[in-house]
PDB file of all heavy atoms in Angstrom:
ATOM      1  N   TRP A   1      -2.897  -9.557  28.557  1.00  0.00           N
ATOM      2  CA  TRP A   1      -3.436  -8.355  27.943  1.00  0.00           C
ATOM      3  C   TRP A   1      -4.148  -8.600  26.610  1.00  0.00           C
ATOM      4  O   TRP A   1      -5.217  -8.023  26.356  1.00  0.00           O
ATOM      5  CB  TRP A   1      -2.317  -7.323  27.782  1.00  0.00           C
ATOM      6  CG  TRP A   1      -2.723  -6.037  27.131  1.00  0.00           C
ATOM      7  CD1 TRP A   1      -2.268  -5.525  25.954  1.00  0.00           C
ATOM      8  CD2 TRP A   1      -3.659  -5.058  27.634  1.00  0.00           C
ATOM      9  NE1 TRP A   1      -2.840  -4.307  25.685  1.00  0.00           N
ATOM     10  CE2 TRP A   1      -3.697  -4.001  26.704  1.00  0.00           C
ATOM     11  CE3 TRP A   1      -4.444  -4.992  28.779  1.00  0.00           C
ATOM     12  CZ2 TRP A   1      -4.515  -2.882  26.886  1.00  0.00           C
ATOM     13  CZ3 TRP A   1      -5.257  -3.883  28.963  1.00  0.00           C
ATOM     14  CH2 TRP A   1      -5.291  -2.843  28.020  1.00  0.00           C
ATOM     15  N   PRO A   2      -3.611  -9.437  25.703  1.00  0.00           N
ATOM     16  CA  PRO A   2      -4.319  -9.668  24.442  1.00  0.00           C
ATOM     17  C   PRO A   2      -5.768 -10.132  24.626  1.00  0.00           C
ATOM     18  O   PRO A   2      -6.629  -9.811  23.798  1.00  0.00           O
ATOM     19  CB  PRO A   2      -3.473 -10.745  23.748  1.00  0.00           C
ATOM     20  CG  PRO A   2      -2.092 -10.515  24.285  1.00  0.00           C
ATOM     21  CD  PRO A   2      -2.301 -10.126  25.720  1.00  0.00           C
ATOM     22  N   LYS A   3      -6.057 -10.860  25.701  1.00  0.00           N
ATOM     23  CA  LYS A   3      -7.440 -11.299  25.943  1.00  0.00           C
ATOM     24  C   LYS A   3      -8.342 -10.101  26.211  1.00  0.00           C
ATOM     25  O   LYS A   3      -9.488 -10.051  25.730  1.00  0.00           O
ATOM     26  CB  LYS A   3      -7.483 -12.259  27.142  1.00  0.00           C
ATOM     27  CG  LYS A   3      -6.605 -13.492  26.981  1.00  0.00           C
ATOM     28  CD  LYS A   3      -6.443 -14.220  28.313  1.00  0.00           C
ATOM     29  CE  LYS A   3      -5.338 -15.258  28.236  1.00  0.00           C
ATOM     30  NZ  LYS A   3      -5.011 -15.827  29.561  1.00  0.00           N
ATOM     31  N   ASP A   4      -7.842  -9.111  26.974  1.00  0.00           N
ATOM     32  CA  ASP A   4      -8.634  -7.906  27.226  1.00  0.00           C
ATOM     33  C   ASP A   4      -8.850  -7.127  25.936  1.00  0.00           C
ATOM     34  O   ASP A   4      -9.934  -6.574  25.702  1.00  0.00           O
ATOM     35  CB  ASP A   4      -7.921  -7.003  28.248  1.00  0.00           C
ATOM     36  CG  ASP A   4      -7.957  -7.573  29.660  1.00  0.00           C
ATOM     37  OD1 ASP A   4      -8.571  -8.638  29.851  1.00  0.00           O
ATOM     38  OD2 ASP A   4      -7.364  -6.949  30.563  1.00  0.00           O
ATOM     39  N   VAL A   5      -7.819  -7.076  25.105  1.00  0.00           N
ATOM     40  CA  VAL A   5      -7.925  -6.356  23.830  1.00  0.00           C
ATOM     41  C   VAL A   5      -8.971  -7.008  22.930  1.00  0.00           C
ATOM     42  O   VAL A   5      -9.802  -6.325  22.313  1.00  0.00           O
ATOM     43  CB  VAL A   5      -6.548  -6.312  23.128  1.00  0.00           C
ATOM     44  CG1 VAL A   5      -6.671  -5.726  21.722  1.00  0.00           C
ATOM     45  CG2 VAL A   5      -5.559  -5.495  23.952  1.00  0.00           C
ATOM     46  N   VAL A   6      -8.952  -8.322  22.864  1.00  0.00           N
ATOM     47  CA  VAL A   6      -9.946  -9.038  22.056  1.00  0.00           C
ATOM     48  C   VAL A   6     -11.353  -8.796  22.587  1.00  0.00           C
ATOM     49  O   VAL A   6     -12.300  -8.580  21.815  1.00  0.00           O
ATOM     50  CB  VAL A   6      -9.617 -10.544  22.013  1.00  0.00           C
ATOM     51  CG1 VAL A   6     -10.790 -11.345  21.452  1.00  0.00           C
ATOM     52  CG2 VAL A   6      -8.369 -10.785  21.179  1.00  0.00           C
ATOM     53  N   ASN A   7     -11.516  -8.824  23.914  1.00  0.00           N
ATOM     54  CA  ASN A   7     -12.827  -8.540  24.496  1.00  0.00           C
ATOM     55  C   ASN A   7     -13.328  -7.157  24.108  1.00  0.00           C
ATOM     56  O   ASN A   7     -14.506  -6.983  23.767  1.00  0.00           O
ATOM     57  CB  ASN A   7     -12.752  -8.644  26.026  1.00  0.00           C
ATOM     58  CG  ASN A   7     -13.025 -10.046  26.534  1.00  0.00           C
ATOM     59  OD1 ASN A   7     -14.015 -10.673  26.174  1.00  0.00           O
ATOM     60  ND2 ASN A   7     -12.150 -10.534  27.375  1.00  0.00           N
ATOM     61  N   LEU A   8     -12.446  -6.166  24.158  1.00  0.00           N
ATOM     62  CA  LEU A   8     -12.836  -4.806  23.808  1.00  0.00           C
ATOM     63  C   LEU A   8     -13.137  -4.696  22.312  1.00  0.00           C
ATOM     64  O   LEU A   8     -14.119  -4.068  21.917  1.00  0.00           O
ATOM     65  CB  LEU A   8     -11.730  -3.826  24.210  1.00  0.00           C
ATOM     66  CG  LEU A   8     -11.978  -2.349  23.899  1.00  0.00           C
ATOM     67  CD1 LEU A   8     -13.306  -1.861  24.467  1.00  0.00           C
ATOM     68  CD2 LEU A   8     -10.819  -1.490  24.425  1.00  0.00           C
ATOM     69  N   ALA A   9     -12.310  -5.325  21.492  1.00  0.00           N
ATOM     70  CA  ALA A   9     -12.546  -5.302  20.052  1.00  0.00           C
ATOM     71  C   ALA A   9     -13.884  -5.959  19.702  1.00  0.00           C
ATOM     72  O   ALA A   9     -14.643  -5.447  18.865  1.00  0.00           O
ATOM     73  CB  ALA A   9     -11.405  -6.001  19.318  1.00  0.00           C
ATOM     74  N   ASN A  10     -14.181  -7.066  20.349  1.00  0.00           N
ATOM     75  CA  ASN A  10     -15.463  -7.731  20.098  1.00  0.00           C
ATOM     76  C   ASN A  10     -16.625  -6.844  20.531  1.00  0.00           C
ATOM     77  O   ASN A  10     -17.658  -6.777  19.851  1.00  0.00           O
ATOM     78  CB  ASN A  10     -15.513  -9.069  20.844  1.00  0.00           C
ATOM     79  CG  ASN A  10     -14.572 -10.102  20.255  1.00  0.00           C
ATOM     80  OD1 ASN A  10     -14.082  -9.936  19.134  1.00  0.00           O
ATOM     81  ND2 ASN A  10     -14.298 -11.153  20.995  1.00  0.00           N
ATOM     82  N   HIS A  11     -16.478  -6.177  21.657  1.00  0.00           N
ATOM     83  CA  HIS A  11     -17.515  -5.255  22.133  1.00  0.00           C
ATOM     84  C   HIS A  11     -17.763  -4.142  21.116  1.00  0.00           C
ATOM     85  O   HIS A  11     -18.922  -3.739  20.893  1.00  0.00           O
ATOM     86  CB  HIS A  11     -17.090  -4.657  23.474  1.00  0.00           C
ATOM     87  CG  HIS A  11     -17.962  -3.536  23.943  1.00  0.00           C
ATOM     88  ND1 HIS A  11     -19.205  -3.751  24.527  1.00  0.00           N
ATOM     89  CD2 HIS A  11     -17.799  -2.179  23.893  1.00  0.00           C
ATOM     90  CE1 HIS A  11     -19.752  -2.577  24.823  1.00  0.00           C
ATOM     91  NE2 HIS A  11     -18.919  -1.616  24.453  1.00  0.00           N
ATOM     92  N   LEU A  12     -16.692  -3.674  20.496  1.00  0.00           N
ATOM     93  CA  LEU A  12     -16.806  -2.590  19.513  1.00  0.00           C
ATOM     94  C   LEU A  12     -17.092  -3.113  18.104  1.00  0.00           C
ATOM     95  O   LEU A  12     -17.141  -2.328  17.157  1.00  0.00           O
ATOM     96  CB  LEU A  12     -15.512  -1.764  19.508  1.00  0.00           C
ATOM     97  CG  LEU A  12     -15.191  -1.029  20.817  1.00  0.00           C
ATOM     98  CD1 LEU A  12     -13.805  -0.404  20.746  1.00  0.00           C
ATOM     99  CD2 LEU A  12     -16.247   0.029  21.123  1.00  0.00           C
ATOM    100  N   LYS A  13     -17.240  -4.434  17.984  1.00  0.00           N
ATOM    101  CA  LYS A  13     -17.530  -5.089  16.698  1.00  0.00           C
ATOM    102  C   LYS A  13     -16.430  -4.826  15.672  1.00  0.00           C
ATOM    103  O   LYS A  13     -16.684  -4.547  14.498  1.00  0.00           O
ATOM    104  CB  LYS A  13     -18.901  -4.648  16.157  1.00  0.00           C
ATOM    105  CG  LYS A  13     -20.055  -5.066  17.063  1.00  0.00           C
ATOM    106  CD  LYS A  13     -21.404  -4.643  16.496  1.00  0.00           C
ATOM    107  CE  LYS A  13     -22.567  -5.248  17.275  1.00  0.00           C
ATOM    108  NZ  LYS A  13     -22.525  -4.959  18.728  1.00  0.00           N
ATOM    109  N   LEU A  14     -15.195  -4.944  16.129  1.00  0.00           N
ATOM    110  CA  LEU A  14     -14.026  -4.776  15.265  1.00  0.00           C
ATOM    111  C   LEU A  14     -13.368  -6.130  15.061  1.00  0.00           C
ATOM    112  O   LEU A  14     -12.850  -6.719  16.014  1.00  0.00           O
ATOM    113  CB  LEU A  14     -13.031  -3.803  15.900  1.00  0.00           C
ATOM    114  CG  LEU A  14     -13.530  -2.377  16.165  1.00  0.00           C
ATOM    115  CD1 LEU A  14     -12.474  -1.585  16.927  1.00  0.00           C
ATOM    116  CD2 LEU A  14     -13.882  -1.678  14.851  1.00  0.00           C
ATOM    117  N   GLU A  15     -13.398  -6.624  13.853  1.00  0.00           N
ATOM    118  CA  GLU A  15     -12.796  -7.919  13.567  1.00  0.00           C
ATOM    119  C   GLU A  15     -11.275  -7.805  13.491  1.00  0.00           C
ATOM    120  O   GLU A  15     -10.547  -8.631  14.041  1.00  0.00           O
ATOM    121  CB  GLU A  15     -13.336  -8.487  12.254  1.00  0.00           C
ATOM    122  CG  GLU A  15     -12.814  -9.881  11.912  1.00  0.00           C
ATOM    123  CD  GLU A  15     -13.145 -10.920  12.979  1.00  0.00           C
ATOM    124  OE1 GLU A  15     -14.222 -10.823  13.603  1.00  0.00           O
ATOM    125  OE2 GLU A  15     -12.316 -11.836  13.198  1.00  0.00           O
ATOM    126  N   ARG A  16     -10.788  -6.755  12.814  1.00  0.00           N
ATOM    127  CA  ARG A  16      -9.345  -6.551  12.689  1.00  0.00           C
ATOM    128  C   ARG A  16      -9.018  -5.089  12.959  1.00  0.00           C
ATOM    129  O   ARG A  16      -9.860  -4.204  12.763  1.00  0.00           O
ATOM    130  CB  ARG A  16      -8.841  -6.990  11.311  1.00  0.00           C
ATOM    131  CG  ARG A  16      -9.157  -8.450  10.995  1.00  0.00           C
ATOM    132  CD  ARG A  16      -8.415  -8.914   9.749  1.00  0.00           C
ATOM    133  NE  ARG A  16      -7.001  -9.112  10.019  1.00  0.00           N
ATOM    134  CZ  ARG A  16      -6.039  -8.928   9.108  1.00  0.00           C
ATOM    135  NH1 ARG A  16      -6.351  -8.497   7.890  1.00  0.00           N
ATOM    136  NH2 ARG A  16      -4.776  -9.140   9.414  1.00  0.00           N
ATOM    137  N   PHE A  17      -7.801  -4.848  13.386  1.00  0.00           N
ATOM    138  CA  PHE A  17      -7.432  -3.508  13.830  1.00  0.00           C
ATOM    139  C   PHE A  17      -5.909  -3.399  13.884  1.00  0.00           C
ATOM    140  O   PHE A  17      -5.196  -4.406  13.964  1.00  0.00           O
ATOM    141  CB  PHE A  17      -8.004  -3.223  15.223  1.00  0.00           C
ATOM    142  CG  PHE A  17      -7.864  -4.384  16.173  1.00  0.00           C
ATOM    143  CD1 PHE A  17      -6.696  -4.598  16.897  1.00  0.00           C
ATOM    144  CD2 PHE A  17      -8.902  -5.319  16.301  1.00  0.00           C
ATOM    145  CE1 PHE A  17      -6.565  -5.689  17.750  1.00  0.00           C
ATOM    146  CE2 PHE A  17      -8.772  -6.418  17.150  1.00  0.00           C
ATOM    147  CZ  PHE A  17      -7.600  -6.598  17.879  1.00  0.00           C
ATOM    148  N   ALA A  18      -5.408  -2.166  13.832  1.00  0.00           N
ATOM    149  CA  ALA A  18      -3.985  -1.904  14.017  1.00  0.00           C
ATOM    150  C   ALA A  18      -3.710  -1.662  15.497  1.00  0.00           C
ATOM    151  O   ALA A  18      -4.623  -1.372  16.278  1.00  0.00           O
ATOM    152  CB  ALA A  18      -3.555  -0.706  13.185  1.00  0.00           C
ATOM    153  N   ILE A  19      -2.443  -1.761  15.875  1.00  0.00           N
ATOM    154  CA  ILE A  19      -2.031  -1.550  17.265  1.00  0.00           C
ATOM    155  C   ILE A  19      -0.783  -0.675  17.284  1.00  0.00           C
ATOM    156  O   ILE A  19       0.136  -0.861  16.475  1.00  0.00           O
ATOM    157  CB  ILE A  19      -1.737  -2.887  17.968  1.00  0.00           C
ATOM    158  CG1 ILE A  19      -3.042  -3.624  18.313  1.00  0.00           C
ATOM    159  CG2 ILE A  19      -0.902  -2.691  19.235  1.00  0.00           C
ATOM    160  CD1 ILE A  19      -2.841  -5.003  18.905  1.00  0.00           C
ATOM    161  N   LEU A  20      -0.762   0.267  18.224  1.00  0.00           N
ATOM    162  CA  LEU A  20       0.422   1.090  18.458  1.00  0.00           C
ATOM    163  C   LEU A  20       0.723   1.117  19.951  1.00  0.00           C
ATOM    164  O   LEU A  20      -0.123   1.518  20.756  1.00  0.00           O
ATOM    165  CB  LEU A  20       0.190   2.521  17.956  1.00  0.00           C
ATOM    166  CG  LEU A  20       1.272   3.557  18.301  1.00  0.00           C
ATOM    167  CD1 LEU A  20       2.625   3.130  17.745  1.00  0.00           C
ATOM    168  CD2 LEU A  20       0.884   4.932  17.782  1.00  0.00           C
ATOM    169  N   GLY A  21       1.919   0.686  20.335  1.00  0.00           N
ATOM    170  CA  GLY A  21       2.345   0.736  21.727  1.00  0.00           C
ATOM    171  C   GLY A  21       3.445   1.768  21.897  1.00  0.00           C
ATOM    172  O   GLY A  21       4.427   1.762  21.138  1.00  0.00           O
ATOM    173  N   TYR A  22       3.274   2.659  22.870  1.00  0.00           N
ATOM    174  CA  TYR A  22       4.278   3.695  23.122  1.00  0.00           C
ATOM    175  C   TYR A  22       4.984   3.427  24.453  1.00  0.00           C
ATOM    176  O   TYR A  22       4.324   3.151  25.460  1.00  0.00           O
ATOM    177  CB  TYR A  22       3.622   5.079  23.157  1.00  0.00           C
ATOM    178  CG  TYR A  22       4.551   6.178  23.627  1.00  0.00           C
ATOM    179  CD1 TYR A  22       5.628   6.579  22.840  1.00  0.00           C
ATOM    180  CD2 TYR A  22       4.386   6.775  24.869  1.00  0.00           C
ATOM    181  CE1 TYR A  22       6.502   7.556  23.271  1.00  0.00           C
ATOM    182  CE2 TYR A  22       5.259   7.758  25.318  1.00  0.00           C
ATOM    183  CZ  TYR A  22       6.312   8.149  24.510  1.00  0.00           C
ATOM    184  OH  TYR A  22       7.189   9.117  24.954  1.00  0.00           O
ATOM    185  N   SER A  23       6.314   3.505  24.450  1.00  0.00           N
ATOM    186  CA  SER A  23       7.114   3.406  25.671  1.00  0.00           C
ATOM    187  C   SER A  23       6.809   2.097  26.411  1.00  0.00           C
ATOM    188  O   SER A  23       6.966   1.014  25.859  1.00  0.00           O
ATOM    189  CB  SER A  23       6.842   4.638  26.553  1.00  0.00           C
ATOM    190  OG  SER A  23       7.685   4.683  27.680  1.00  0.00           O
ATOM    191  N   GLY A  24       6.310   2.179  27.644  1.00  0.00           N
ATOM    192  CA  GLY A  24       5.966   0.971  28.399  1.00  0.00           C
ATOM    193  C   GLY A  24       4.800   0.210  27.820  1.00  0.00           C
ATOM    194  O   GLY A  24       4.511  -0.921  28.241  1.00  0.00           O
ATOM    195  N   GLY A  25       4.109   0.790  26.838  1.00  0.00           N
ATOM    196  CA  GLY A  25       3.063   0.066  26.122  1.00  0.00           C
ATOM    197  C   GLY A  25       3.621  -0.825  25.031  1.00  0.00           C
ATOM    198  O   GLY A  25       2.899  -1.661  24.475  1.00  0.00           O
ATOM    199  N   GLY A  26       4.921  -0.663  24.732  1.00  0.00           N
ATOM    200  CA  GLY A  26       5.536  -1.468  23.681  1.00  0.00           C
ATOM    201  C   GLY A  26       5.471  -2.961  23.911  1.00  0.00           C
ATOM    202  O   GLY A  26       5.108  -3.726  23.012  1.00  0.00           O
ATOM    203  N   PRO A  27       5.815  -3.452  25.122  1.00  0.00           N
ATOM    204  CA  PRO A  27       5.737  -4.896  25.359  1.00  0.00           C
ATOM    205  C   PRO A  27       4.321  -5.451  25.186  1.00  0.00           C
ATOM    206  O   PRO A  27       4.156  -6.614  24.789  1.00  0.00           O
ATOM    207  CB  PRO A  27       6.208  -5.041  26.811  1.00  0.00           C
ATOM    208  CG  PRO A  27       7.044  -3.833  27.068  1.00  0.00           C
ATOM    209  CD  PRO A  27       6.425  -2.743  26.266  1.00  0.00           C
ATOM    210  N   TYR A  28       3.315  -4.642  25.469  1.00  0.00           N
ATOM    211  CA  TYR A  28       1.927  -5.099  25.308  1.00  0.00           C
ATOM    212  C   TYR A  28       1.559  -5.215  23.830  1.00  0.00           C
ATOM    213  O   TYR A  28       0.807  -6.110  23.429  1.00  0.00           O
ATOM    214  CB  TYR A  28       0.976  -4.155  26.044  1.00  0.00           C
ATOM    215  CG  TYR A  28       1.171  -4.181  27.538  1.00  0.00           C
ATOM    216  CD1 TYR A  28       2.081  -3.317  28.153  1.00  0.00           C
ATOM    217  CD2 TYR A  28       0.481  -5.081  28.343  1.00  0.00           C
ATOM    218  CE1 TYR A  28       2.293  -3.358  29.525  1.00  0.00           C
ATOM    219  CE2 TYR A  28       0.688  -5.126  29.714  1.00  0.00           C
ATOM    220  CZ  TYR A  28       1.597  -4.256  30.302  1.00  0.00           C
ATOM    221  OH  TYR A  28       1.804  -4.304  31.660  1.00  0.00           O
ATOM    222  N   ALA A  29       2.098  -4.306  23.012  1.00  0.00           N
ATOM    223  CA  ALA A  29       1.902  -4.421  21.570  1.00  0.00           C
ATOM    224  C   ALA A  29       2.597  -5.666  21.043  1.00  0.00           C
ATOM    225  O   ALA A  29       2.049  -6.399  20.200  1.00  0.00           O
ATOM    226  CB  ALA A  29       2.432  -3.167  20.866  1.00  0.00           C
ATOM    227  N   ALA A  30       3.805  -5.930  21.546  1.00  0.00           N
ATOM    228  CA  ALA A  30       4.539  -7.127  21.126  1.00  0.00           C
ATOM    229  C   ALA A  30       3.807  -8.393  21.554  1.00  0.00           C
ATOM    230  O   ALA A  30       3.737  -9.375  20.796  1.00  0.00           O
ATOM    231  CB  ALA A  30       5.953  -7.099  21.722  1.00  0.00           C
ATOM    232  N   ALA A  31       3.235  -8.387  22.760  1.00  0.00           N
ATOM    233  CA  ALA A  31       2.484  -9.552  23.241  1.00  0.00           C
ATOM    234  C   ALA A  31       1.284  -9.828  22.341  1.00  0.00           C
ATOM    235  O   ALA A  31       0.962 -10.988  22.046  1.00  0.00           O
ATOM    236  CB  ALA A  31       2.029  -9.332  24.682  1.00  0.00           C
ATOM    237  N   CYS A  32       0.617  -8.771  21.888  1.00  0.00           N
ATOM    238  CA  CYS A  32      -0.522  -8.946  20.982  1.00  0.00           C
ATOM    239  C   CYS A  32      -0.064  -9.479  19.626  1.00  0.00           C
ATOM    240  O   CYS A  32      -0.742 -10.320  19.021  1.00  0.00           O
ATOM    241  CB  CYS A  32      -1.267  -7.623  20.808  1.00  0.00           C
ATOM    242  SG  CYS A  32      -2.249  -7.130  22.241  1.00  0.00           S
ATOM    243  N   ALA A  33       1.079  -8.990  19.142  1.00  0.00           N
ATOM    244  CA  ALA A  33       1.607  -9.486  17.869  1.00  0.00           C
ATOM    245  C   ALA A  33       1.858 -10.984  17.939  1.00  0.00           C
ATOM    246  O   ALA A  33       1.659 -11.710  16.951  1.00  0.00           O
ATOM    247  CB  ALA A  33       2.901  -8.750  17.519  1.00  0.00           C
ATOM    248  N   LEU A  34       2.259 -11.471  19.100  1.00  0.00           N
ATOM    249  CA  LEU A  34       2.512 -12.895  19.275  1.00  0.00           C
ATOM    250  C   LEU A  34       1.225 -13.683  19.488  1.00  0.00           C
ATOM    251  O   LEU A  34       1.045 -14.767  18.922  1.00  0.00           O
ATOM    252  CB  LEU A  34       3.447 -13.098  20.477  1.00  0.00           C
ATOM    253  CG  LEU A  34       3.802 -14.533  20.847  1.00  0.00           C
ATOM    254  CD1 LEU A  34       4.479 -15.244  19.678  1.00  0.00           C
ATOM    255  CD2 LEU A  34       4.698 -14.557  22.079  1.00  0.00           C
ATOM    256  N   ALA A  35       0.298 -13.144  20.277  1.00  0.00           N
ATOM    257  CA  ALA A  35      -0.866 -13.918  20.725  1.00  0.00           C
ATOM    258  C   ALA A  35      -2.056 -13.863  19.775  1.00  0.00           C
ATOM    259  O   ALA A  35      -2.813 -14.831  19.671  1.00  0.00           O
ATOM    260  CB  ALA A  35      -1.297 -13.441  22.110  1.00  0.00           C
ATOM    261  N   ILE A  36      -2.273 -12.723  19.107  1.00  0.00           N
ATOM    262  CA  ILE A  36      -3.489 -12.573  18.292  1.00  0.00           C
ATOM    263  C   ILE A  36      -3.162 -12.021  16.893  1.00  0.00           C
ATOM    264  O   ILE A  36      -3.791 -11.065  16.424  1.00  0.00           O
ATOM    265  CB  ILE A  36      -4.530 -11.671  18.988  1.00  0.00           C
ATOM    266  CG1 ILE A  36      -3.910 -10.325  19.396  1.00  0.00           C
ATOM    267  CG2 ILE A  36      -5.126 -12.379  20.194  1.00  0.00           C
ATOM    268  CD1 ILE A  36      -4.942  -9.300  19.852  1.00  0.00           C
ATOM    269  N   PRO A  37      -2.203 -12.615  16.192  1.00  0.00           N
ATOM    270  CA  PRO A  37      -1.811 -12.067  14.884  1.00  0.00           C
ATOM    271  C   PRO A  37      -2.957 -12.025  13.881  1.00  0.00           C
ATOM    272  O   PRO A  37      -2.988 -11.162  12.992  1.00  0.00           O
ATOM    273  CB  PRO A  37      -0.695 -13.012  14.422  1.00  0.00           C
ATOM    274  CG  PRO A  37      -0.948 -14.290  15.155  1.00  0.00           C
ATOM    275  CD  PRO A  37      -1.476 -13.860  16.497  1.00  0.00           C
ATOM    276  N   GLU A  38      -3.910 -12.949  14.034  1.00  0.00           N
ATOM    277  CA  GLU A  38      -5.027 -13.014  13.077  1.00  0.00           C
ATOM    278  C   GLU A  38      -5.970 -11.826  13.202  1.00  0.00           C
ATOM    279  O   GLU A  38      -6.756 -11.558  12.278  1.00  0.00           O
ATOM    280  CB  GLU A  38      -5.801 -14.324  13.273  1.00  0.00           C
ATOM    281  CG  GLU A  38      -6.632 -14.411  14.554  1.00  0.00           C
ATOM    282  CD  GLU A  38      -5.823 -14.677  15.817  1.00  0.00           C
ATOM    283  OE1 GLU A  38      -4.587 -14.885  15.711  1.00  0.00           O
ATOM    284  OE2 GLU A  38      -6.434 -14.676  16.913  1.00  0.00           O
ATOM    285  N   ARG A  39      -5.902 -11.090  14.315  1.00  0.00           N
ATOM    286  CA  ARG A  39      -6.795  -9.943  14.512  1.00  0.00           C
ATOM    287  C   ARG A  39      -6.132  -8.613  14.132  1.00  0.00           C
ATOM    288  O   ARG A  39      -6.793  -7.574  14.103  1.00  0.00           O
ATOM    289  CB  ARG A  39      -7.253  -9.867  15.980  1.00  0.00           C
ATOM    290  CG  ARG A  39      -8.014 -11.067  16.492  1.00  0.00           C
ATOM    291  CD  ARG A  39      -9.342 -11.269  15.798  1.00  0.00           C
ATOM    292  NE  ARG A  39     -10.298 -10.201  16.046  1.00  0.00           N
ATOM    293  CZ  ARG A  39     -11.221 -10.210  17.026  1.00  0.00           C
ATOM    294  NH1 ARG A  39     -11.270 -11.234  17.864  1.00  0.00           N
ATOM    295  NH2 ARG A  39     -12.086  -9.221  17.148  1.00  0.00           N
ATOM    296  N   ILE A  40      -4.823  -8.648  13.880  1.00  0.00           N
ATOM    297  CA  ILE A  40      -4.057  -7.417  13.711  1.00  0.00           C
ATOM    298  C   ILE A  40      -3.769  -7.133  12.239  1.00  0.00           C
ATOM    299  O   ILE A  40      -3.293  -8.008  11.505  1.00  0.00           O
ATOM    300  CB  ILE A  40      -2.729  -7.509  14.488  1.00  0.00           C
ATOM    301  CG1 ILE A  40      -2.998  -7.677  15.986  1.00  0.00           C
ATOM    302  CG2 ILE A  40      -1.868  -6.278  14.245  1.00  0.00           C
ATOM    303  CD1 ILE A  40      -1.741  -7.937  16.807  1.00  0.00           C
ATOM    304  N   THR A  41      -4.053  -5.909  11.824  1.00  0.00           N
ATOM    305  CA  THR A  41      -3.690  -5.479  10.469  1.00  0.00           C
ATOM    306  C   THR A  41      -2.240  -5.024  10.427  1.00  0.00           C
ATOM    307  O   THR A  41      -1.485  -5.383   9.530  1.00  0.00           O
ATOM    308  CB  THR A  41      -4.599  -4.342   9.998  1.00  0.00           C
ATOM    309  OG1 THR A  41      -4.567  -3.269  10.952  1.00  0.00           O
ATOM    310  CG2 THR A  41      -6.030  -4.829   9.833  1.00  0.00           C
ATOM    311  N   LYS A  42      -1.838  -4.222  11.396  1.00  0.00           N
ATOM    312  CA  LYS A  42      -0.449  -3.784  11.543  1.00  0.00           C
ATOM    313  C   LYS A  42      -0.188  -3.508  13.016  1.00  0.00           C
ATOM    314  O   LYS A  42      -1.105  -3.171  13.762  1.00  0.00           O
ATOM    315  CB  LYS A  42      -0.163  -2.527  10.729  1.00  0.00           C
ATOM    316  CG  LYS A  42      -0.109  -2.770   9.227  1.00  0.00           C
ATOM    317  CD  LYS A  42       0.397  -1.551   8.490  1.00  0.00           C
ATOM    318  CE  LYS A  42       0.453  -1.850   6.995  1.00  0.00           C
ATOM    319  NZ  LYS A  42       0.803  -0.646   6.223  1.00  0.00           N
ATOM    320  N   VAL A  43       1.081  -3.627  13.383  1.00  0.00           N
ATOM    321  CA  VAL A  43       1.454  -3.330  14.775  1.00  0.00           C
ATOM    322  C   VAL A  43       2.736  -2.503  14.756  1.00  0.00           C
ATOM    323  O   VAL A  43       3.662  -2.782  14.006  1.00  0.00           O
ATOM    324  CB  VAL A  43       1.616  -4.626  15.602  1.00  0.00           C
ATOM    325  CG1 VAL A  43       2.632  -5.556  14.989  1.00  0.00           C
ATOM    326  CG2 VAL A  43       1.985  -4.310  17.040  1.00  0.00           C
TER     327      VAL A  43
END
């Protein structure tokens, strides 16, 4: 999933961004925190 997020962020020309995962989206937020910490302002 973090690869898809990076692709979308690059498309939108966003270098850094926050992430919020709700319920079953929580593990995906955690995966991004592990895989792409350099792109995340807060999670």
